[in-house]
Amino acid sequence: MLYPGAYVSLQFIENFKEILPVIEWGKHTRVVLDVGCGVASFGGYLLDRDVITLSFAPKDEHDAQIQFALERGIPATLAVISTKKLTFPDNAYDMIHCARCRIRWDADGGKPLIEINRILRPGGYFVWSATPVYVKDEEHQNIWKATVALTESMCWKIVNKTSVHGTSVGVAIFQKPTTPSCYKSRQEDNPPLCDSSKHVHISWDDPLDGCLPPIPAVSTEDHSNWPLAWPERLKTKSSSLSSVEPGSATSYEEDSNHWSALVSDVYLKSLAINWSSIRNVMDMNAGYGGFAAALIDLPVWVMNVVPVNEPDTLSVVFDRGLIGTYHDWCESLSTYPRTYDLLHASFLFKKQSQRCDVVDIVVEIDRVVRPGGILIVQDSTEVMKELIPILSSLKWSSTLHQDEFLVGRKVSGALQAEGNRLK
């Protein structure tokens, strides 16, 4: 079944070799953000091409598009470009796509598009397929001209402007610069460059900037502007490691080896989980993304969450070709209820319990996990003793494996009703 807009998305993806051959789906372009995504057909079609697309749209009581996307098994989240930064690191996405989204990119001094520039990788592409691109009346053309002027001030260049094959829909493709040289040659410092000494890397509850984060100068051996092709980038050390903490390169290797062995020997073999029923996964304390990397051969996708009170490793996650977000687990998560099949928490609760009540975190987990879904917790014995009665009070079942791994199962409404009837 083709959902509204799906035909255009499919035609667009299939004809991209002609529109911009350098994209190379699933090789050069791996991590994509879809803005104002509708029912996420664009991201859904790209899954078969080894492209992981995080789709987002605001919550709408009349058209729960994100809920529908998640129910289809497509990565999606609730978000809006308004007054706050998006919860992603700088230079994260290989491509950002916006089709029929009603965003005035030049509004508020251009802050919405400047925010897109922040999270777009140097050399990355912004693909815009909205009415200002192809409708020729005065109102739409004024929006087009204002947006182009803004892109030029940010040193973006238009690499193609064409129509989607077989349709009347137009598409414009812009590219972010790979070096800072253009910024230095601008006649006006507008938008200005950000003050690197004041620039906040963890974008959580921070107002939109009106400035451009500087693009670092790199050598030919450095992959900070663009990582290796997929899937090599999954296991390649990221230059972002240097900004995490001293010794993080060693920690990264240890983390990768640890999760590769643990997932293979325990999670897939010993926890009695039917992984064929799992699609939407969240790692609540993702670190370097080792858990998600160890699951890469399974038909699942993982939302890698980096808690705001933990070391900022989210840039490393994106450099590996994975997706994720910042979050404060003392607050609710931006998603619809019952949207994830499995949540994973490795040594998360002890640190969070120093900031907020564990009961609140478990209640949020209960909200996010679908009926019949699963929670895997790796933690201390003390944490397990605290969690089991809380889960029980929410009608979850739980089992312990090796006194180190707790597997909680959220009882579905039908099973719970049957259990109550039998009592």
Protein backbone atom coordinates (compact mmCIF):
# COMPACT_ATOMS: atom_id res chain seq x y z
CA MET A 1 0.00 0.00 0.00
CA LEU A 2 1.31 3.47 -0.93
CA TYR A 3 0.49 6.10 1.70
CA PRO A 4 -0.01 9.81 0.83
CA GLY A 5 3.26 11.16 -0.54
CA ALA A 6 4.78 7.68 -0.81
CA TYR A 7 4.74 7.68 -4.60
CA VAL A 8 6.78 10.88 -4.77
CA SER A 9 9.20 9.54 -2.13
CA LEU A 10 9.70 6.28 -4.02
CA GLN A 11 10.20 8.04 -7.36
CA PHE A 12 12.60 10.49 -5.76
CA ILE A 13 14.72 7.74 -4.18
CA GLU A 14 14.77 5.60 -7.32
CA ASN A 15 15.87 8.52 -9.51
CA PHE A 16 18.53 9.91 -7.19
CA LYS A 17 21.33 8.29 -9.16
CA GLU A 18 20.48 10.75 -11.92
CA ILE A 19 19.69 13.70 -9.66
CA LEU A 20 22.91 13.46 -7.60
CA PRO A 21 25.05 10.33 -8.20
CA VAL A 22 27.50 11.13 -5.38
CA ILE A 23 24.81 10.37 -2.77
CA GLU A 24 25.30 6.58 -3.04
CA TRP A 25 22.54 5.39 -0.73
CA GLY A 26 23.78 3.09 2.02
CA LYS A 27 27.43 3.75 1.27
CA HIS A 28 28.29 7.44 1.22
CA THR A 29 24.92 8.46 2.67
CA ARG A 30 23.98 6.42 5.73
CA VAL A 31 22.38 8.71 8.37
CA VAL A 32 19.46 10.90 7.27
CA LEU A 33 17.02 13.22 9.05
CA ASP A 34 13.54 13.64 7.57
CA VAL A 35 11.90 16.92 8.67
CA GLY A 36 8.10 17.12 8.80
CA CYS A 37 8.03 13.52 7.67
CA GLY A 38 4.33 12.73 7.30
CA VAL A 39 3.97 8.96 7.77
CA ALA A 40 7.74 8.50 7.12
CA SER A 41 7.45 6.79 3.72
CA PHE A 42 10.74 8.42 2.66
CA GLY A 43 12.61 6.80 5.56
CA GLY A 44 10.74 3.55 5.13
CA TYR A 45 11.85 3.10 1.53
CA LEU A 46 15.45 3.93 2.43
CA LEU A 47 15.66 1.13 5.02
CA ASP A 48 16.07 -1.39 2.21
CA ARG A 49 19.06 0.62 0.97
CA ASP A 50 21.06 0.45 4.25
CA VAL A 51 20.10 4.02 5.11
CA ILE A 52 18.90 4.76 8.65
CA THR A 53 16.50 7.73 8.56
CA LEU A 54 15.20 9.40 11.70
CA SER A 55 11.89 11.05 10.82
CA PHE A 56 10.35 13.76 12.97
CA ALA A 57 7.24 15.90 13.15
CA PRO A 58 5.35 17.73 15.89
CA LYS A 59 2.57 16.06 17.87
CA ASP A 60 -0.79 16.63 16.19
CA GLU A 61 -3.99 15.44 17.85
CA HIS A 62 -5.72 15.17 14.49
CA ASP A 63 -2.99 13.32 12.60
CA ALA A 64 -0.67 11.18 14.74
CA GLN A 65 1.92 10.71 12.01
CA ILE A 66 4.84 9.82 14.26
CA GLN A 67 2.79 7.21 16.09
CA PHE A 68 1.84 5.70 12.74
CA ALA A 69 5.48 5.70 11.59
CA LEU A 70 6.63 3.91 14.75
CA GLU A 71 3.82 1.38 14.43
CA ARG A 72 5.15 0.68 10.92
CA GLY A 73 8.58 -0.01 12.46
CA ILE A 74 10.21 3.14 11.06
CA PRO A 75 12.55 5.29 13.21
CA ALA A 76 10.69 8.44 14.25
CA THR A 77 10.46 10.96 17.06
CA LEU A 78 8.40 13.95 18.14
CA ALA A 79 10.20 17.25 17.59
CA VAL A 80 9.69 20.74 16.24
CA ILE A 81 12.04 23.50 15.13
CA SER A 82 10.75 26.43 17.14
CA THR A 83 12.73 28.10 19.93
CA LYS A 84 14.95 25.27 21.20
CA LYS A 85 17.79 23.34 19.58
CA LEU A 86 17.09 19.86 18.33
CA THR A 87 18.51 17.17 20.63
CA PHE A 88 21.28 16.10 18.24
CA PRO A 89 25.00 16.94 18.18
CA ASP A 90 26.75 19.21 15.70
CA ASN A 91 27.72 17.71 12.33
CA ALA A 92 25.57 14.60 12.78
CA TYR A 93 23.58 13.90 9.60
CA ASP A 94 24.82 13.02 6.13
CA MET A 95 21.60 14.36 4.61
CA ILE A 96 18.57 16.30 5.84
CA HIS A 97 15.38 15.97 3.82
CA CYS A 98 12.32 18.22 3.88
CA ALA A 99 9.36 17.47 1.59
CA ARG A 100 6.17 19.50 1.85
CA CYS A 101 7.17 20.75 5.31
CA ARG A 102 5.63 24.12 6.11
CA ILE A 103 8.70 25.67 7.69
CA ARG A 104 9.76 29.23 6.86
CA TRP A 105 13.49 28.59 6.90
CA ASP A 106 14.29 32.31 6.78
CA ALA A 107 12.08 33.15 9.79
CA ASP A 108 13.51 34.72 12.96
CA GLY A 109 16.71 35.80 11.25
CA GLY A 110 17.10 32.39 9.61
CA LYS A 111 17.45 30.47 12.90
CA PRO A 112 15.51 27.38 11.68
CA LEU A 113 17.88 26.84 8.75
CA ILE A 114 20.90 27.79 10.85
CA GLU A 115 19.88 24.97 13.20
CA ILE A 116 19.75 22.58 10.23
CA ASN A 117 23.24 23.77 9.32
CA ARG A 118 24.43 22.97 12.86
CA ILE A 119 23.40 19.31 12.74
CA LEU A 120 24.33 18.73 9.08
CA ARG A 121 27.72 17.15 8.47
CA PRO A 122 30.28 19.29 6.57
CA GLY A 123 29.79 18.34 2.93
CA GLY A 124 26.30 17.03 3.74
CA TYR A 125 23.19 17.73 1.70
CA PHE A 126 19.95 19.53 2.46
CA VAL A 127 17.19 18.31 0.15
CA TRP A 128 14.18 20.63 -0.07
CA SER A 129 11.08 19.61 -1.97
CA ALA A 130 8.39 22.08 -0.94
CA THR A 131 6.15 24.46 -2.89
CA PRO A 132 8.56 27.45 -2.77
CA VAL A 133 10.93 25.35 -4.89
CA TYR A 134 8.56 24.79 -7.82
CA VAL A 135 5.41 26.97 -7.50
CA LYS A 136 5.90 30.15 -9.51
CA ASP A 137 3.48 32.65 -7.94
CA GLU A 138 4.90 35.75 -6.28
CA GLU A 139 4.42 34.58 -2.68
CA HIS A 140 6.26 31.30 -3.18
CA GLN A 141 9.02 32.87 -5.24
CA ASN A 142 9.66 35.46 -2.54
CA ILE A 143 10.10 32.65 -0.02
CA TRP A 144 12.45 30.85 -2.43
CA LYS A 145 14.58 33.96 -2.95
CA ALA A 146 14.80 34.67 0.78
CA THR A 147 15.82 31.07 1.51
CA VAL A 148 18.45 31.03 -1.24
CA ALA A 149 19.90 34.30 0.07
CA LEU A 150 20.17 32.73 3.51
CA THR A 151 21.90 29.61 2.17
CA GLU A 152 24.40 31.77 0.30
CA SER A 153 25.19 33.69 3.48
CA MET A 154 25.96 30.32 5.15
CA CYS A 155 28.23 29.34 2.23
CA TRP A 156 25.90 26.59 1.05
CA LYS A 157 25.78 25.96 -2.67
CA ILE A 158 22.96 24.68 -4.86
CA VAL A 159 24.17 21.47 -6.48
CA ASN A 160 20.95 20.68 -8.34
CA LYS A 161 17.43 21.97 -8.90
CA THR A 162 15.16 19.68 -10.87
CA SER A 163 11.83 17.83 -10.77
CA VAL A 164 11.02 14.37 -9.49
CA HIS A 165 10.71 12.07 -12.50
CA GLY A 166 7.11 11.54 -13.58
CA THR A 167 5.72 14.30 -11.33
CA SER A 168 5.39 18.08 -11.26
CA VAL A 169 7.17 18.22 -7.89
CA GLY A 170 10.45 20.13 -7.82
CA VAL A 171 13.48 19.49 -5.63
CA ALA A 172 16.44 21.69 -4.70
CA ILE A 173 19.63 20.20 -3.24
CA PHE A 174 22.05 22.32 -1.22
CA GLN A 175 25.47 21.32 0.11
CA LYS A 176 27.16 22.54 3.28
CA PRO A 177 30.82 23.54 2.83
CA THR A 178 33.58 21.13 3.81
CA THR A 179 36.10 23.75 4.91
CA PRO A 180 35.87 27.07 6.79
CA SER A 181 37.55 29.05 4.00
CA CYS A 182 34.29 30.50 2.66
CA TYR A 183 33.36 31.90 6.06
CA LYS A 184 36.54 33.94 6.11
CA SER A 185 35.94 35.40 2.66
CA ARG A 186 32.37 36.61 3.26
CA GLN A 187 31.80 40.34 2.87
CA GLU A 188 29.52 40.36 5.90
CA ASP A 189 29.86 38.26 9.05
CA ASN A 190 26.17 37.43 8.96
CA PRO A 191 25.20 34.96 10.28
CA PRO A 192 28.20 35.31 12.58
CA LEU A 193 30.46 32.43 13.57
CA CYS A 194 29.75 31.00 17.02
CA ASP A 195 32.15 31.74 19.84
CA SER A 196 33.76 28.31 20.29
CA SER A 197 34.49 29.04 23.96
CA LYS A 198 30.76 29.48 24.64
CA HIS A 199 29.38 26.91 22.21
CA VAL A 200 27.32 24.21 23.98
CA HIS A 201 27.82 20.72 22.57
CA ILE A 202 25.05 18.89 24.42
CA SER A 203 21.97 20.48 22.91
CA TRP A 204 19.42 20.04 25.66
CA ASP A 205 16.95 22.78 26.53
CA ASP A 206 19.16 25.33 24.77
CA PRO A 207 17.74 28.21 22.72
CA LEU A 208 18.32 28.28 18.98
CA ASP A 209 21.54 29.99 17.98
CA GLY A 210 21.79 32.56 15.25
CA CYS A 211 25.43 31.67 14.62
CA LEU A 212 27.39 29.12 12.58
CA PRO A 213 29.55 26.56 14.42
CA PRO A 214 33.04 26.69 12.93
CA ILE A 215 34.04 23.91 10.54
CA PRO A 216 37.34 22.38 11.67
CA ALA A 217 40.21 22.20 9.23
CA VAL A 218 41.09 18.54 8.67
CA SER A 219 43.84 16.50 7.11
CA THR A 220 43.22 13.89 4.42
CA GLU A 221 43.62 11.17 7.07
CA ASP A 222 40.96 12.69 9.32
CA HIS A 223 37.36 11.61 8.82
CA SER A 224 35.68 14.25 10.98
CA ASN A 225 34.14 15.95 7.93
CA TRP A 226 33.00 12.68 6.42
CA PRO A 227 33.47 9.17 7.77
CA LEU A 228 34.37 6.09 5.80
CA ALA A 229 31.75 4.44 3.65
CA TRP A 230 29.16 2.21 5.27
CA PRO A 231 29.59 -0.40 6.71
CA GLU A 232 33.30 0.30 7.37
CA ARG A 233 32.43 3.39 9.41
CA LEU A 234 30.59 1.25 12.00
CA LYS A 235 33.90 -0.05 13.38
CA THR A 236 36.14 2.90 12.55
CA LYS A 237 37.47 5.13 15.33
CA SER A 238 35.80 8.50 15.12
CA SER A 239 37.75 11.74 15.45
CA SER A 240 34.95 12.81 17.82
CA LEU A 241 36.52 10.51 20.42
CA SER A 242 39.10 13.19 21.16
CA SER A 243 36.39 15.51 22.45
CA VAL A 244 34.84 12.97 24.84
CA GLU A 245 37.51 12.38 27.48
CA PRO A 246 41.16 11.30 27.76
CA GLY A 247 41.60 7.63 26.93
CA SER A 248 38.25 7.44 25.15
CA ALA A 249 39.81 5.68 22.15
CA THR A 250 40.75 2.76 24.40
CA SER A 251 37.33 2.87 26.06
CA TYR A 252 35.72 2.78 22.62
CA GLU A 253 37.59 -0.40 21.65
CA GLU A 254 36.77 -2.04 24.96
CA ASP A 255 33.13 -1.02 24.63
CA SER A 256 32.85 -2.48 21.13
CA ASN A 257 34.47 -5.79 22.15
CA HIS A 258 32.39 -5.98 25.32
CA TRP A 259 29.04 -5.57 23.57
CA SER A 260 29.94 -7.81 20.67
CA ALA A 261 30.62 -10.68 23.06
CA LEU A 262 27.78 -9.94 25.48
CA VAL A 263 25.08 -9.65 22.84
CA SER A 264 26.27 -12.80 21.08
CA ASP A 265 26.70 -14.96 24.18
CA VAL A 266 23.96 -13.68 26.48
CA TYR A 267 21.37 -11.39 24.88
CA LEU A 268 20.75 -13.53 21.79
CA LYS A 269 21.17 -16.97 23.36
CA SER A 270 20.37 -16.94 27.06
CA LEU A 271 17.63 -14.42 27.82
CA ALA A 272 14.73 -16.28 26.17
CA ILE A 273 13.80 -13.31 23.98
CA ASN A 274 12.11 -13.87 20.64
CA TRP A 275 14.15 -11.37 18.64
CA SER A 276 12.07 -12.00 15.52
CA SER A 277 9.26 -10.09 17.26
CA ILE A 278 11.49 -7.07 17.99
CA ARG A 279 11.74 -4.08 15.66
CA ASN A 280 11.85 -0.78 17.61
CA VAL A 281 14.69 -0.78 20.18
CA MET A 282 15.97 1.91 22.52
CA ASP A 283 19.30 1.88 24.37
CA MET A 284 18.69 4.16 27.35
CA ASN A 285 22.39 4.63 28.17
CA ALA A 286 24.08 4.14 24.82
CA GLY A 287 27.67 5.19 25.45
CA TYR A 288 29.55 4.68 22.18
CA GLY A 289 26.70 2.75 20.56
CA GLY A 290 28.28 -0.66 21.09
CA PHE A 291 24.97 -2.37 21.90
CA ALA A 292 23.38 -1.10 18.67
CA ALA A 293 26.48 -2.04 16.65
CA ALA A 294 26.31 -5.60 18.02
CA LEU A 295 22.71 -5.90 16.79
CA ILE A 296 23.46 -4.57 13.30
CA ASP A 297 22.81 -7.89 11.53
CA LEU A 298 19.31 -8.18 13.01
CA PRO A 299 16.29 -6.51 11.32
CA VAL A 300 15.97 -3.98 14.16
CA TRP A 301 16.78 -0.30 14.55
CA VAL A 302 18.11 1.25 17.76
CA MET A 303 17.53 4.72 19.18
CA ASN A 304 20.77 5.42 21.07
CA VAL A 305 20.03 7.72 24.01
CA VAL A 306 22.88 9.59 25.68
CA PRO A 307 21.73 10.91 29.10
CA VAL A 308 22.56 14.58 29.55
CA ASN A 309 24.47 13.86 32.77
CA GLU A 310 26.76 11.31 31.07
CA PRO A 311 29.86 11.97 28.87
CA ASP A 312 28.82 13.35 25.48
CA THR A 313 29.37 10.40 23.17
CA LEU A 314 26.52 11.07 20.73
CA SER A 315 28.80 12.44 18.00
CA VAL A 316 30.65 9.12 18.06
CA VAL A 317 27.33 7.28 17.68
CA PHE A 318 26.45 9.28 14.56
CA ASP A 319 29.96 8.95 13.13
CA ARG A 320 29.48 5.18 13.34
CA GLY A 321 26.39 5.43 11.11
CA LEU A 322 23.86 5.04 13.93
CA ILE A 323 21.14 7.37 15.22
CA GLY A 324 20.42 8.74 18.66
CA THR A 325 19.35 11.64 20.84
CA TYR A 326 20.14 13.42 24.10
CA HIS A 327 17.66 12.99 26.94
CA ASP A 328 17.21 13.64 30.64
CA TRP A 329 15.61 10.55 32.16
CA CYS A 330 14.15 12.68 34.93
CA GLU A 331 11.73 13.94 32.25
CA SER A 332 9.33 12.21 29.88
CA LEU A 333 10.52 11.12 26.43
CA SER A 334 9.28 12.75 23.22
CA THR A 335 7.40 9.80 21.81
CA TYR A 336 3.89 8.42 21.76
CA PRO A 337 2.91 5.76 24.33
CA ARG A 338 3.45 2.07 23.54
CA THR A 339 5.85 2.68 20.64
CA TYR A 340 8.93 0.57 21.47
CA ASP A 341 9.30 -3.21 21.46
CA LEU A 342 12.39 -3.31 23.68
CA LEU A 343 14.19 -0.93 26.03
CA HIS A 344 17.73 -1.63 27.22
CA ALA A 345 19.36 -0.05 30.27
CA SER A 346 22.95 -0.87 31.16
CA PHE A 347 24.05 0.62 34.50
CA LEU A 348 21.66 3.54 34.10
CA PHE A 349 19.58 3.54 37.26
CA LYS A 350 22.15 4.13 40.00
CA LYS A 351 23.35 7.45 38.58
CA GLN A 352 19.86 8.58 37.66
CA SER A 353 18.55 7.71 41.13
CA GLN A 354 20.83 10.41 42.53
CA ARG A 355 18.89 12.95 40.46
CA CYS A 356 15.29 11.70 40.48
CA ASP A 357 13.04 8.89 41.71
CA VAL A 358 13.59 5.47 40.08
CA VAL A 359 9.82 4.92 40.22
CA ASP A 360 9.31 7.85 37.84
CA ILE A 361 11.81 6.39 35.36
CA VAL A 362 10.14 2.96 35.45
CA VAL A 363 6.71 4.51 34.97
CA GLU A 364 8.06 6.30 31.89
CA ILE A 365 9.45 2.99 30.62
CA ASP A 366 6.00 1.47 31.13
CA ARG A 367 4.50 4.29 29.06
CA VAL A 368 6.95 3.87 26.18
CA VAL A 369 7.01 0.06 25.87
CA ARG A 370 4.19 -1.61 23.94
CA PRO A 371 2.06 -4.31 25.62
CA GLY A 372 4.05 -7.53 25.40
CA GLY A 373 7.28 -5.54 25.09
CA ILE A 374 10.52 -6.11 26.96
CA LEU A 375 12.93 -4.28 29.27
CA ILE A 376 16.50 -5.58 29.67
CA VAL A 377 18.44 -4.20 32.62
CA GLN A 378 22.09 -4.88 33.37
CA ASP A 379 22.93 -3.50 36.78
CA SER A 380 23.91 -4.22 40.40
CA THR A 381 22.04 -6.58 42.70
CA GLU A 382 20.82 -3.62 44.76
CA VAL A 383 19.25 -2.02 41.69
CA MET A 384 17.58 -5.30 40.72
CA LYS A 385 16.02 -5.63 44.20
CA GLU A 386 14.59 -2.14 43.83
CA LEU A 387 13.29 -2.59 40.29
CA ILE A 388 11.51 -5.96 40.61
CA PRO A 389 8.77 -4.82 43.03
CA ILE A 390 8.22 -1.63 41.03
CA LEU A 391 7.75 -3.64 37.83
CA SER A 392 5.48 -6.05 39.68
CA SER A 393 3.27 -3.19 40.84
CA LEU A 394 2.84 -2.24 37.18
CA LYS A 395 1.83 -5.83 36.34
CA TRP A 396 5.12 -6.68 34.63
CA SER A 397 6.71 -10.10 34.95
CA SER A 398 10.46 -10.25 35.56
CA THR A 399 13.21 -12.85 35.59
CA LEU A 400 16.88 -12.69 36.61
CA HIS A 401 19.74 -14.22 34.66
CA GLN A 402 23.10 -14.76 36.39
CA ASP A 403 21.98 -12.21 39.03
CA GLU A 404 23.13 -9.52 36.60
CA PHE A 405 20.49 -9.27 33.89
CA LEU A 406 16.85 -8.53 34.55
CA VAL A 407 14.33 -9.24 31.79
CA GLY A 408 11.01 -7.52 32.38
CA ARG A 409 7.96 -8.25 30.23
CA LYS A 410 5.05 -5.89 30.05
CA VAL A 411 1.89 -7.97 30.26
CA SER A 412 -0.53 -7.20 27.43
CA GLY A 413 -4.01 -5.98 28.30
CA ALA A 414 -5.62 -9.21 27.11
CA LEU A 415 -3.34 -11.40 29.25
CA GLN A 416 -3.80 -9.13 32.25
CA ALA A 417 -7.59 -9.29 31.92
CA GLU A 418 -7.45 -13.08 31.63
CA GLY A 419 -5.27 -13.29 34.73
CA ASN A 420 -7.68 -11.13 36.69
CA ARG A 421 -10.61 -13.31 35.56
CA LEU A 422 -8.90 -16.46 36.80
CA LYS A 423 -8.22 -15.07 40.26
